[in-house]
Amino acid sequence: MRVDKFLKISRLVKRRTVAKEMADQGRIKVNGRVVKSSYDVKIDDIIEVGYGTRQVKAKVLDLRETTKKAEASDLYELVD
């Protein structure tokens, strides 16, 4: 699954187009490397998303094509 789609489905980013723009600006890292929006996310990857001055790190636990809002947080686990 593409990283921009995963961020949208997991609700870490509200819109896929916003996630794509963030990746194009180099604000998304997977396992410590800056990636493009087309990067293929795998289970156990560590995704870092830069929101201005704040960084969010999340470990991928599951990949799904669609999810309900209540189940979105089951797709990842926040990491310090």
Protein backbone atom coordinates (compact mmCIF):
# COMPACT_ATOMS: atom_id res chain seq x y z
CA MET A 1 0.00 0.00 0.00
CA ARG A 2 1.27 3.49 -0.85
CA VAL A 3 2.40 5.61 2.09
CA ASP A 4 0.03 8.48 1.21
CA LYS A 5 -2.94 6.09 1.13
CA PHE A 6 -1.92 4.48 4.44
CA LEU A 7 -1.67 7.88 6.15
CA LYS A 8 -5.17 8.77 4.94
CA ILE A 9 -6.77 5.44 5.88
CA SER A 10 -5.11 5.40 9.32
CA ARG A 11 -6.30 8.99 9.87
CA LEU A 12 -2.77 10.26 10.62
CA VAL A 13 -3.39 12.79 7.82
CA LYS A 14 -6.89 14.00 6.88
CA ARG A 15 -6.57 13.90 3.08
CA ARG A 16 -4.53 11.81 0.67
CA THR A 17 -3.58 14.87 -1.38
CA VAL A 18 -2.17 16.50 1.77
CA ALA A 19 -0.19 13.32 2.53
CA LYS A 20 1.16 13.34 -1.05
CA GLU A 21 2.23 16.98 -0.76
CA MET A 22 3.94 16.27 2.58
CA ALA A 23 5.88 13.39 1.01
CA ASP A 24 6.88 15.57 -1.97
CA GLN A 25 8.21 18.16 0.50
CA GLY A 26 10.31 15.51 2.29
CA ARG A 27 8.31 15.60 5.54
CA ILE A 28 7.60 11.85 5.63
CA LYS A 29 10.24 9.28 6.57
CA VAL A 30 9.98 5.50 6.71
CA ASN A 31 12.60 3.66 8.74
CA GLY A 32 14.71 6.83 8.88
CA ARG A 33 14.70 7.50 5.10
CA VAL A 34 12.79 10.27 3.33
CA VAL A 35 10.32 8.64 0.94
CA LYS A 36 8.07 9.66 -1.93
CA SER A 37 4.29 9.24 -1.80
CA SER A 38 4.51 6.07 -3.92
CA TYR A 39 6.64 4.21 -1.34
CA ASP A 40 5.19 0.77 -0.57
CA VAL A 41 4.49 0.51 3.19
CA LYS A 42 4.96 -2.85 4.91
CA ILE A 43 3.96 -4.14 8.35
CA ASP A 44 6.52 -3.19 11.08
CA ASP A 45 7.71 -0.07 9.19
CA ILE A 46 8.25 3.02 11.34
CA ILE A 47 6.67 6.10 9.74
CA GLU A 48 7.71 9.59 10.86
CA VAL A 49 5.43 12.47 9.85
CA GLY A 50 6.52 16.08 10.31
CA TYR A 51 3.69 18.50 11.18
CA GLY A 52 5.45 21.87 11.33
CA THR A 53 7.40 21.73 14.61
CA ARG A 54 5.90 18.40 15.75
CA GLN A 55 7.07 14.92 14.73
CA VAL A 56 4.79 11.87 15.00
CA LYS A 57 6.28 8.36 14.87
CA ALA A 58 4.03 5.37 14.25
CA LYS A 59 4.71 1.67 13.75
CA VAL A 60 2.58 -0.02 11.08
CA LEU A 61 0.62 -2.93 12.61
CA ASP A 62 -1.87 -3.76 9.85
CA LEU A 63 -2.69 -2.83 6.25
CA ARG A 64 -6.30 -2.52 5.07
CA GLU A 65 -7.88 -0.98 2.00
CA THR A 66 -10.68 0.65 4.02
CA THR A 67 -11.45 1.11 7.70
CA LYS A 68 -14.00 2.71 9.97
CA LYS A 69 -13.04 5.74 12.00
CA ALA A 70 -13.16 3.79 15.28
CA GLU A 71 -10.82 1.10 13.91
CA ALA A 72 -8.29 3.44 12.28
CA SER A 73 -6.02 3.51 15.32
CA ASP A 74 -5.71 -0.30 15.14
CA LEU A 75 -3.57 0.10 12.01
CA TYR A 76 -0.65 1.73 13.87
CA GLU A 77 0.99 2.16 17.26
CA LEU A 78 2.59 5.45 18.32
CA VAL A 79 6.31 5.17 19.09
CA ASP A 80 8.44 7.53 21.17
